C-alpha atoms as a PDB file:
ATOM      1  CA  MET A   1      21.671 112.505  59.171  1.00  0.00           C
ATOM      2  CA  LYS A   2      23.734 112.733  62.337  1.00  0.00           C
ATOM      3  CA  GLU A   3      27.467 112.133  61.910  1.00  0.00           C
ATOM      4  CA  ASN A   4      29.258 109.328  64.143  1.00  0.00           C
ATOM      5  CA  GLY A   5      31.437 110.481  66.865  1.00  0.00           C
ATOM      6  CA  ILE A   6      35.163 109.787  66.956  1.00  0.00           C
ATOM      7  CA  LEU A   7      37.012 107.147  69.242  1.00  0.00           C
ATOM      8  CA  THR A   8      40.181 108.789  70.266  1.00  0.00           C
ATOM      9  CA  LEU A   9      43.092 106.419  71.797  1.00  0.00           C
ATOM     10  CA  VAL A  10      44.840 108.631  74.398  1.00  0.00           C
ATOM     11  CA  ALA A  11      48.346 107.777  75.771  1.00  0.00           C
ATOM     12  CA  THR A  12      48.797 108.559  79.224  1.00  0.00           C
ATOM     13  CA  PRO A  13      52.121 108.446  81.578  1.00  0.00           C
ATOM     14  CA  ILE A  14      53.542 105.327  82.216  1.00  0.00           C
ATOM     15  CA  GLY A  15      55.007 106.830  85.724  1.00  0.00           C
ATOM     16  CA  ASN A  16      55.900 110.384  85.590  1.00  0.00           C
ATOM     17  CA  LEU A  17      52.819 112.849  85.219  1.00  0.00           C
ATOM     18  CA  GLY A  18      54.848 115.414  83.570  1.00  0.00           C
ATOM     19  CA  ASP A  19      54.765 113.422  80.584  1.00  0.00           C
ATOM     20  CA  MET A  20      51.155 113.879  79.993  1.00  0.00           C
ATOM     21  CA  SER A  21      50.543 116.203  76.910  1.00  0.00           C
ATOM     22  CA  GLU A  22      48.551 119.284  76.544  1.00  0.00           C
ATOM     23  CA  ARG A  23      46.610 117.801  73.691  1.00  0.00           C
ATOM     24  CA  ALA A  24      45.858 114.486  75.519  1.00  0.00           C
ATOM     25  CA  ILE A  25      44.494 116.796  78.692  1.00  0.00           C
ATOM     26  CA  ASN A  26      42.343 118.693  76.228  1.00  0.00           C
ATOM     27  CA  THR A  27      41.225 115.731  74.416  1.00  0.00           C
ATOM     28  CA  LEU A  28      40.176 114.116  77.721  1.00  0.00           C
ATOM     29  CA  ARG A  29      38.260 117.089  78.811  1.00  0.00           C
ATOM     30  CA  GLU A  30      36.593 117.711  75.530  1.00  0.00           C
ATOM     31  CA  ALA A  31      35.379 113.980  75.274  1.00  0.00           C
ATOM     32  CA  ASP A  32      31.952 113.057  75.894  1.00  0.00           C
ATOM     33  CA  ILE A  33      32.862 109.865  77.546  1.00  0.00           C
ATOM     34  CA  ILE A  34      36.353 108.495  78.955  1.00  0.00           C
ATOM     35  CA  ALA A  35      36.553 104.831  78.574  1.00  0.00           C
ATOM     36  CA  CYS A  36      39.183 103.538  80.921  1.00  0.00           C
ATOM     37  CA  GLU A  37      40.614  99.971  82.075  1.00  0.00           C
ATOM     38  CA  ASP A  38      40.257 100.655  85.595  1.00  0.00           C
ATOM     39  CA  THR A  39      38.375 103.664  86.943  1.00  0.00           C
ATOM     40  CA  ARG A  40      40.097 103.519  90.376  1.00  0.00           C
ATOM     41  CA  ASN A  41      43.585 104.137  88.616  1.00  0.00           C
ATOM     42  CA  SER A  42      42.459 106.558  85.801  1.00  0.00           C
ATOM     43  CA  ILE A  43      40.516 108.831  88.525  1.00  0.00           C
ATOM     44  CA  ARG A  44      44.111 109.823  90.070  1.00  0.00           C
ATOM     45  CA  ILE A  45      45.190 111.017  86.498  1.00  0.00           C
ATOM     46  CA  LEU A  46      41.834 113.052  85.846  1.00  0.00           C
ATOM     47  CA  ASN A  47      41.788 114.576  89.368  1.00  0.00           C
ATOM     48  CA  HIS A  48      45.343 115.612  89.019  1.00  0.00           C
ATOM     49  CA  PHE A  49      44.637 117.385  85.748  1.00  0.00           C
ATOM     50  CA  GLU A  50      41.286 118.659  86.875  1.00  0.00           C
ATOM     51  CA  ILE A  51      39.384 116.739  84.115  1.00  0.00           C
ATOM     52  CA  LYS A  52      35.681 116.156  85.102  1.00  0.00           C
ATOM     53  CA  THR A  53      34.372 113.980  81.854  1.00  0.00           C
ATOM     54  CA  LYS A  54      32.290 111.086  82.914  1.00  0.00           C
ATOM     55  CA  MET A  55      34.235 107.743  83.014  1.00  0.00           C
ATOM     56  CA  THR A  56      33.234 104.348  82.287  1.00  0.00           C
ATOM     57  CA  SER A  57      35.135 100.948  82.389  1.00  0.00           C
ATOM     58  CA  TYR A  58      36.105  99.019  79.580  1.00  0.00           C
ATOM     59  CA  HIS A  59      38.492  95.937  80.258  1.00  0.00           C
ATOM     60  CA  GLU A  60      39.472  92.566  79.470  1.00  0.00           C
ATOM     61  CA  PHE A  61      36.337  91.008  81.021  1.00  0.00           C
ATOM     62  CA  ASN A  62      33.320  93.107  79.369  1.00  0.00           C
ATOM     63  CA  LYS A  63      35.282  94.139  76.049  1.00  0.00           C
ATOM     64  CA  ILE A  64      32.763  92.305  73.721  1.00  0.00           C
ATOM     65  CA  GLU A  65      29.382  93.692  75.437  1.00  0.00           C
ATOM     66  CA  LYS A  66      30.737  97.015  76.470  1.00  0.00           C
ATOM     67  CA  GLY A  67      32.476  97.484  73.375  1.00  0.00           C
ATOM     68  CA  GLU A  68      28.961  97.108  71.528  1.00  0.00           C
ATOM     69  CA  GLU A  69      27.729  99.797  74.134  1.00  0.00           C
ATOM     70  CA  LEU A  70      30.481 102.090  73.255  1.00  0.00           C
ATOM     71  CA  CYS A  71      30.080 101.672  69.430  1.00  0.00           C
ATOM     72  CA  ASP A  72      26.438 102.304  69.850  1.00  0.00           C
ATOM     73  CA  LEU A  73      27.270 105.646  71.602  1.00  0.00           C
ATOM     74  CA  LEU A  74      29.751 106.634  68.983  1.00  0.00           C
ATOM     75  CA  VAL A  75      27.085 105.892  66.126  1.00  0.00           C
ATOM     76  CA  GLU A  76      24.693 108.245  68.293  1.00  0.00           C
ATOM     77  CA  GLY A  77      27.400 111.149  67.767  1.00  0.00           C
ATOM     78  CA  LYS A  78      29.312 110.767  71.124  1.00  0.00           C
ATOM     79  CA  ASN A  79      33.094 111.275  71.023  1.00  0.00           C
ATOM     80  CA  ILE A  80      34.772 108.913  73.240  1.00  0.00           C
ATOM     81  CA  ALA A  81      38.342 108.886  74.406  1.00  0.00           C
ATOM     82  CA  LEU A  82      39.947 105.293  75.418  1.00  0.00           C
ATOM     83  CA  ILE A  83      42.609 105.122  78.080  1.00  0.00           C
ATOM     84  CA  THR A  84      44.647 102.304  79.533  1.00  0.00           C
ATOM     85  CA  ASP A  85      46.145 102.041  83.237  1.00  0.00           C
ATOM     86  CA  ALA A  86      49.484 103.611  81.836  1.00  0.00           C
ATOM     87  CA  GLY A  87      50.948 104.222  78.323  1.00  0.00           C
ATOM     88  CA  THR A  88      49.075 103.807  74.959  1.00  0.00           C
ATOM     89  CA  PRO A  89      45.885 101.931  74.488  1.00  0.00           C
ATOM     90  CA  GLY A  90      45.742  99.014  72.116  1.00  0.00           C
ATOM     91  CA  ILE A  91      49.193  97.593  72.823  1.00  0.00           C
ATOM     92  CA  SER A  92      48.760  94.462  74.815  1.00  0.00           C
ATOM     93  CA  ASP A  93      45.283  95.451  76.202  1.00  0.00           C
ATOM     94  CA  PRO A  94      41.454  95.096  75.017  1.00  0.00           C
ATOM     95  CA  GLY A  95      41.658  98.422  73.140  1.00  0.00           C
ATOM     96  CA  GLU A  96      42.501  96.688  70.011  1.00  0.00           C
ATOM     97  CA  GLU A  97      39.462  94.820  70.097  1.00  0.00           C
ATOM     98  CA  LEU A  98      37.311  98.045  70.227  1.00  0.00           C
ATOM     99  CA  VAL A  99      39.251  99.500  67.528  1.00  0.00           C
ATOM    100  CA  ARG A 100      38.383  96.392  65.170  1.00  0.00           C
ATOM    101  CA  MET A 101      34.712  96.992  66.211  1.00  0.00           C
ATOM    102  CA  CYS A 102      34.577 100.534  65.413  1.00  0.00           C
ATOM    103  CA  LEU A 103      36.365 100.092  62.026  1.00  0.00           C
ATOM    104  CA  ASP A 104      33.848  97.374  61.424  1.00  0.00           C
ATOM    105  CA  ARG A 105      30.847  99.766  61.846  1.00  0.00           C
ATOM    106  CA  GLY A 106      32.456 102.624  59.972  1.00  0.00           C
ATOM    107  CA  ILE A 107      33.406 104.709  62.978  1.00  0.00           C
ATOM    108  CA  ARG A 108      36.659 106.951  62.767  1.00  0.00           C
ATOM    109  CA  VAL A 109      39.473 106.029  65.057  1.00  0.00           C
ATOM    110  CA  THR A 110      42.433 108.388  65.683  1.00  0.00           C
ATOM    111  CA  THR A 111      45.162 108.614  68.461  1.00  0.00           C
ATOM    112  CA  VAL A 112      46.749 111.129  70.776  1.00  0.00           C
ATOM    113  CA  PRO A 113      50.558 109.658  70.680  1.00  0.00           C
ATOM    114  CA  GLY A 114      52.373 109.576  73.887  1.00  0.00           C
ATOM    115  CA  PRO A 115      54.513 107.081  76.253  1.00  0.00           C
ATOM    116  CA  ALA A 116      54.812 103.381  75.390  1.00  0.00           C
ATOM    117  CA  ALA A 117      56.876 101.471  77.670  1.00  0.00           C
ATOM    118  CA  PHE A 118      58.193  98.749  75.158  1.00  0.00           C
ATOM    119  CA  VAL A 119      59.408 101.644  72.760  1.00  0.00           C
ATOM    120  CA  ASN A 120      61.216 103.654  75.700  1.00  0.00           C
ATOM    121  CA  ALA A 121      62.925 100.596  76.949  1.00  0.00           C
ATOM    122  CA  ALA A 122      64.087  99.787  73.477  1.00  0.00           C
ATOM    123  CA  ILE A 123      65.779 103.041  72.758  1.00  0.00           C
ATOM    124  CA  ILE A 124      67.608 103.035  76.090  1.00  0.00           C
ATOM    125  CA  SER A 125      68.726  99.313  75.952  1.00  0.00           C
ATOM    126  CA  GLY A 126      71.623  99.850  73.500  1.00  0.00           C
ATOM    127  CA  MET A 127      70.133  97.157  71.511  1.00  0.00           C
ATOM    128  CA  PRO A 128      69.404  97.543  67.980  1.00  0.00           C
ATOM    129  CA  CYS A 129      65.907  99.193  67.370  1.00  0.00           C
ATOM    130  CA  ARG A 130      65.567  99.059  63.488  1.00  0.00           C
ATOM    131  CA  ARG A 131      63.883  95.729  63.995  1.00  0.00           C
ATOM    132  CA  LEU A 132      61.918  94.764  66.950  1.00  0.00           C
ATOM    133  CA  ALA A 133      59.911  91.799  68.173  1.00  0.00           C
ATOM    134  CA  PHE A 134      57.535  92.853  70.763  1.00  0.00           C
ATOM    135  CA  GLU A 135      55.958  89.908  72.620  1.00  0.00           C
ATOM    136  CA  ALA A 136      54.587  92.037  75.436  1.00  0.00           C
ATOM    137  CA  PHE A 137      53.657  89.551  78.369  1.00  0.00           C
ATOM    138  CA  LEU A 138      54.446  85.951  77.736  1.00  0.00           C
ATOM    139  CA  PRO A 139      51.180  83.751  77.356  1.00  0.00           C
ATOM    140  CA  LYS A 140      50.079  81.897  80.318  1.00  0.00           C
ATOM    141  CA  ASP A 141      48.627  79.033  78.239  1.00  0.00           C
ATOM    142  CA  LYS A 142      51.202  76.258  78.338  1.00  0.00           C
ATOM    143  CA  LYS A 143      50.860  75.437  74.572  1.00  0.00           C
ATOM    144  CA  GLU A 144      50.921  78.977  73.512  1.00  0.00           C
ATOM    145  CA  HIS A 145      53.828  79.780  75.986  1.00  0.00           C
ATOM    146  CA  GLU A 146      55.928  77.026  74.421  1.00  0.00           C
ATOM    147  CA  ARG A 147      54.978  78.221  70.588  1.00  0.00           C
ATOM    148  CA  VAL A 148      55.967  81.682  71.514  1.00  0.00           C
ATOM    149  CA  MET A 149      59.351  80.486  73.280  1.00  0.00           C
ATOM    150  CA  ASN A 150      60.387  78.474  70.242  1.00  0.00           C
ATOM    151  CA  GLU A 151      59.887  81.793  68.137  1.00  0.00           C
ATOM    152  CA  ILE A 152      61.979  83.668  70.537  1.00  0.00           C
ATOM    153  CA  LYS A 153      64.832  81.002  70.120  1.00  0.00           C
ATOM    154  CA  ASN A 154      65.099  81.596  66.510  1.00  0.00           C
ATOM    155  CA  GLU A 155      64.123  85.332  66.389  1.00  0.00           C
ATOM    156  CA  THR A 156      66.890  87.591  64.790  1.00  0.00           C
ATOM    157  CA  ARG A 157      65.197  90.973  65.618  1.00  0.00           C
ATOM    158  CA  THR A 158      65.599  92.535  69.042  1.00  0.00           C
ATOM    159  CA  ILE A 159      63.185  90.873  71.397  1.00  0.00           C
ATOM    160  CA  VAL A 160      61.077  93.122  74.099  1.00  0.00           C
ATOM    161  CA  ILE A 161      59.032  91.342  76.698  1.00  0.00           C
ATOM    162  CA  TYR A 162      56.916  92.724  79.733  1.00  0.00           C
ATOM    163  CA  GLU A 163      57.496  91.197  83.120  1.00  0.00           C
ATOM    164  CA  ALA A 164      56.006  91.311  86.434  1.00  0.00           C
ATOM    165  CA  PRO A 165      58.526  91.159  89.788  1.00  0.00           C
ATOM    166  CA  HIS A 166      56.952  88.087  90.994  1.00  0.00           C
ATOM    167  CA  HIS A 167      57.593  86.289  87.549  1.00  0.00           C
ATOM    168  CA  LEU A 168      60.865  87.811  86.617  1.00  0.00           C
ATOM    169  CA  LYS A 169      63.451  85.218  88.119  1.00  0.00           C
ATOM    170  CA  LYS A 170      61.620  82.412  86.529  1.00  0.00           C
ATOM    171  CA  THR A 171      61.432  84.005  83.088  1.00  0.00           C
ATOM    172  CA  LEU A 172      65.258  84.847  83.193  1.00  0.00           C
ATOM    173  CA  THR A 173      66.087  81.313  84.118  1.00  0.00           C
ATOM    174  CA  GLU A 174      63.920  79.994  81.088  1.00  0.00           C
ATOM    175  CA  LEU A 175      65.345  82.529  78.665  1.00  0.00           C
ATOM    176  CA  HIS A 176      68.804  81.669  79.902  1.00  0.00           C
ATOM    177  CA  LYS A 177      68.096  77.971  79.201  1.00  0.00           C
ATOM    178  CA  LEU A 178      66.661  78.678  75.800  1.00  0.00           C
ATOM    179  CA  LEU A 179      69.065  81.387  74.562  1.00  0.00           C
ATOM    180  CA  GLY A 180      72.342  80.473  76.292  1.00  0.00           C
ATOM    181  CA  ASP A 181      74.643  82.076  78.831  1.00  0.00           C
ATOM    182  CA  GLU A 182      76.137  84.973  76.572  1.00  0.00           C
ATOM    183  CA  ARG A 183      73.014  86.308  75.084  1.00  0.00           C
ATOM    184  CA  LYS A 184      72.687  90.032  75.960  1.00  0.00           C
ATOM    185  CA  ILE A 185      69.831  91.466  77.748  1.00  0.00           C
ATOM    186  CA  ALA A 186      68.907  94.914  78.945  1.00  0.00           C
ATOM    187  CA  ILE A 187      66.461  94.826  81.938  1.00  0.00           C
ATOM    188  CA  VAL A 188      64.589  98.185  82.445  1.00  0.00           C
ATOM    189  CA  ARG A 189      62.868  98.807  85.560  1.00  0.00           C
ATOM    190  CA  GLU A 190      60.402 101.441  86.551  1.00  0.00           C
ATOM    191  CA  LEU A 191      60.673 103.554  83.255  1.00  0.00           C
ATOM    192  CA  THR A 192      60.225 107.179  84.052  1.00  0.00           C
ATOM    193  CA  LYS A 193      59.892 106.930  87.695  1.00  0.00           C
ATOM    194  CA  ILE A 194      62.252 108.165  90.344  1.00  0.00           C
ATOM    195  CA  HIS A 195      63.955 104.698  90.653  1.00  0.00           C
ATOM    196  CA  GLU A 196      64.224 103.949  87.079  1.00  0.00           C
ATOM    197  CA  GLU A 197      67.306 101.937  86.353  1.00  0.00           C
ATOM    198  CA  VAL A 198      68.742  99.837  83.367  1.00  0.00           C
ATOM    199  CA  HIS A 199      70.886  96.748  83.976  1.00  0.00           C
ATOM    200  CA  ARG A 200      72.750  95.574  81.035  1.00  0.00           C
ATOM    201  CA  PHE A 201      73.945  91.829  81.336  1.00  0.00           C
ATOM    202  CA  THR A 202      74.288  88.765  79.562  1.00  0.00           C
ATOM    203  CA  LEU A 203      71.593  86.204  80.257  1.00  0.00           C
ATOM    204  CA  GLY A 204      73.925  84.341  82.607  1.00  0.00           C
ATOM    205  CA  GLU A 205      75.053  87.633  84.703  1.00  0.00           C
ATOM    206  CA  ALA A 206      71.249  88.512  85.049  1.00  0.00           C
ATOM    207  CA  CYS A 207      70.291  85.181  86.583  1.00  0.00           C
ATOM    208  CA  THR A 208      73.422  85.476  88.997  1.00  0.00           C
ATOM    209  CA  TYR A 209      72.395  88.921  89.789  1.00  0.00           C
ATOM    210  CA  TYR A 210      68.873  87.857  90.720  1.00  0.00           C
ATOM    211  CA  GLU A 211      69.686  85.020  92.831  1.00  0.00           C
ATOM    212  CA  SER A 212      70.368  87.918  95.605  1.00  0.00           C
ATOM    213  CA  THR A 213      68.512  90.915  94.416  1.00  0.00           C
ATOM    214  CA  GLU A 214      64.516  90.510  94.876  1.00  0.00           C
ATOM    215  CA  PRO A 215      62.776  92.270  91.957  1.00  0.00           C
ATOM    216  CA  ARG A 216      60.592  95.156  92.546  1.00  0.00           C
ATOM    217  CA  GLY A 217      58.412  96.980  90.162  1.00  0.00           C
ATOM    218  CA  GLU A 218      57.600  96.660  86.796  1.00  0.00           C
ATOM    219  CA  TYR A 219      60.098  95.347  84.024  1.00  0.00           C
ATOM    220  CA  VAL A 220      60.618  95.445  80.341  1.00  0.00           C
ATOM    221  CA  LEU A 221      63.262  93.043  79.039  1.00  0.00           C
ATOM    222  CA  VAL A 222      64.869  93.942  75.944  1.00  0.00           C
ATOM    223  CA  ILE A 223      66.897  90.969  74.568  1.00  0.00           C
ATOM    224  CA  GLU A 224      69.501  90.661  71.614  1.00  0.00           C
ATOM    225  CA  GLY A 225      68.191  88.793  68.509  1.00  0.00           C
ATOM    226  CA  LYS A 226      70.247  85.449  67.212  1.00  0.00           C
ATOM    227  CA  SER A 227      73.221  86.854  65.204  1.00  0.00           C
ATOM    228  CA  LYS A 228      73.765  86.156  61.781  1.00  0.00           C
ATOM    229  CA  GLU A 229      77.046  84.192  62.735  1.00  0.00           C
ATOM    230  CA  ALA A 230      75.128  81.961  65.102  1.00  0.00           C
ATOM    231  CA  GLN A 231      72.512  81.334  62.411  1.00  0.00           C
ATOM    232  CA  LEU A 232      75.163  80.262  59.798  1.00  0.00           C
ATOM    233  CA  GLU A 233      76.805  78.031  62.432  1.00  0.00           C
ATOM    234  CA  GLU A 234      73.602  76.292  63.315  1.00  0.00           C
ATOM    235  CA  LYS A 235      72.926  75.706  59.714  1.00  0.00           C
ATOM    236  CA  LYS A 236      76.376  74.384  58.998  1.00  0.00           C
ATOM    237  CA  ALA A 237      76.318  71.958  61.890  1.00  0.00           C
ATOM    238  CA  ALA A 238      72.768  70.576  60.725  1.00  0.00           C
ATOM    239  CA  PHE A 239      74.734  68.975  57.769  1.00  0.00           C
ATOM    240  CA  GLU A 240      77.844  68.019  59.488  1.00  0.00           C
ATOM    241  CA  GLY A 241      76.917  64.310  59.341  1.00  0.00           C
ATOM    242  CA  VAL A 242      75.520  64.446  55.573  1.00  0.00           C
ATOM    243  CA  SER A 243      78.162  64.084  52.703  1.00  0.00           C
ATOM    244  CA  LEU A 244      78.212  66.425  49.778  1.00  0.00           C
ATOM    245  CA  GLU A 245      76.838  63.998  47.450  1.00  0.00           C
ATOM    246  CA  GLU A 246      73.984  63.568  49.767  1.00  0.00           C
ATOM    247  CA  HIS A 247      73.328  67.191  50.304  1.00  0.00           C
ATOM    248  CA  MET A 248      73.497  67.841  46.546  1.00  0.00           C
ATOM    249  CA  LYS A 249      70.846  64.976  46.112  1.00  0.00           C
ATOM    250  CA  ILE A 250      68.412  66.838  48.343  1.00  0.00           C
ATOM    251  CA  TYR A 251      68.171  69.921  46.168  1.00  0.00           C
ATOM    252  CA  MET A 252      68.650  68.126  42.697  1.00  0.00           C
ATOM    253  CA  ASP A 253      65.649  65.925  44.021  1.00  0.00           C
ATOM    254  CA  LYS A 254      63.523  69.273  44.464  1.00  0.00           C
ATOM    255  CA  GLY A 255      64.094  70.100  40.793  1.00  0.00           C
ATOM    256  CA  TYR A 256      67.418  72.398  41.129  1.00  0.00           C
ATOM    257  CA  ASN A 257      70.223  71.836  38.293  1.00  0.00           C
ATOM    258  CA  LYS A 258      73.681  70.926  39.339  1.00  0.00           C
ATOM    259  CA  LYS A 259      74.753  74.603  39.490  1.00  0.00           C
ATOM    260  CA  GLU A 260      71.911  75.841  41.348  1.00  0.00           C
ATOM    261  CA  ALA A 261      72.310  73.073  43.918  1.00  0.00           C
ATOM    262  CA  MET A 262      76.118  73.634  44.465  1.00  0.00           C
ATOM    263  CA  LYS A 263      75.203  77.306  45.253  1.00  0.00           C
ATOM    264  CA  LEU A 264      72.624  76.237  47.760  1.00  0.00           C
ATOM    265  CA  VAL A 265      74.837  73.653  49.349  1.00  0.00           C
ATOM    266  CA  ALA A 266      77.687  76.129  49.704  1.00  0.00           C
ATOM    267  CA  HIS A 267      75.296  78.572  51.287  1.00  0.00           C
ATOM    268  CA  ASP A 268      74.298  75.850  53.703  1.00  0.00           C
ATOM    269  CA  ARG A 269      77.809  74.917  54.683  1.00  0.00           C
ATOM    270  CA  ASN A 270      78.997  78.580  54.763  1.00  0.00           C
ATOM    271  CA  VAL A 271      81.694  77.890  52.194  1.00  0.00           C
ATOM    272  CA  SER A 272      82.250  79.150  48.684  1.00  0.00           C
ATOM    273  CA  LYS A 273      80.871  77.512  45.526  1.00  0.00           C
ATOM    274  CA  ARG A 274      84.276  76.862  44.371  1.00  0.00           C
ATOM    275  CA  GLU A 275      84.952  74.755  47.457  1.00  0.00           C
ATOM    276  CA  ILE A 276      81.966  72.729  46.632  1.00  0.00           C
ATOM    277  CA  TYR A 277      82.773  72.347  43.203  1.00  0.00           C
ATOM    278  CA  ASN A 278      86.659  71.079  43.989  1.00  0.00           C
ATOM    279  CA  GLU A 279      85.548  68.650  46.414  1.00  0.00           C
ATOM    280  CA  LEU A 280      82.963  67.056  44.043  1.00  0.00           C
ATOM    281  CA  ASN A 281      85.425  66.780  41.388  1.00  0.00           C
ATOM    282  CA  LYS A 282      88.226  65.354  42.957  1.00  0.00           C
END
């Protein structure tokens, strides 16, 4: 019985062709077929590295039908390399759908690692990178957009967003209104290219800057998450109009004993349990 072929997700440069790895070049040369998002873009990379492998288009608008065709070829034993227009396939593009289809049919999937814009933007932003919330491009659908923005409002991790130049000002204005004047943001433009630059602002400063500066190139926004202090202040403010007795009753009605309720009330109000005890026993 003939073995299935392998789907290999191959990362390609996000701007600087010098970032193309030797392994990526060899994988593309040795594949039976290269599936790419746009053959007109990919042919430039293939020509530069003298890669003659046959190409086929695989994109958002044919991902189901073409995905089935590619899976059939893999089952026949063909090895397929998947690339995107720039960076790592499967991140905010239809490659993730092809991976799922392959896994459902028992086809092996592997990767040749390389550039990913959101990772590189995050590590040069100066923001904490231990925990990231990657949103890619914000949704166009109004309800989905509103849902995501509400999540961003309360996000404590560093947030990474992709944005096109013609939408940048509108997005910054929306983020400014949502997160406030002092929230920090790093705006990374044209990563790895000759005009790469990083602006580190507050959201208020960013909006002011782009009032007189026309956005050009592709952008990655790296935004500070909500601080622990801000979370505590919001939680404390939510109970400012509630008496201690009413606050205690909320938790005791949920089945907590008095000691447990006092501990939870103290946490909500960002004070010590002893302070709550003293107030209740005056």
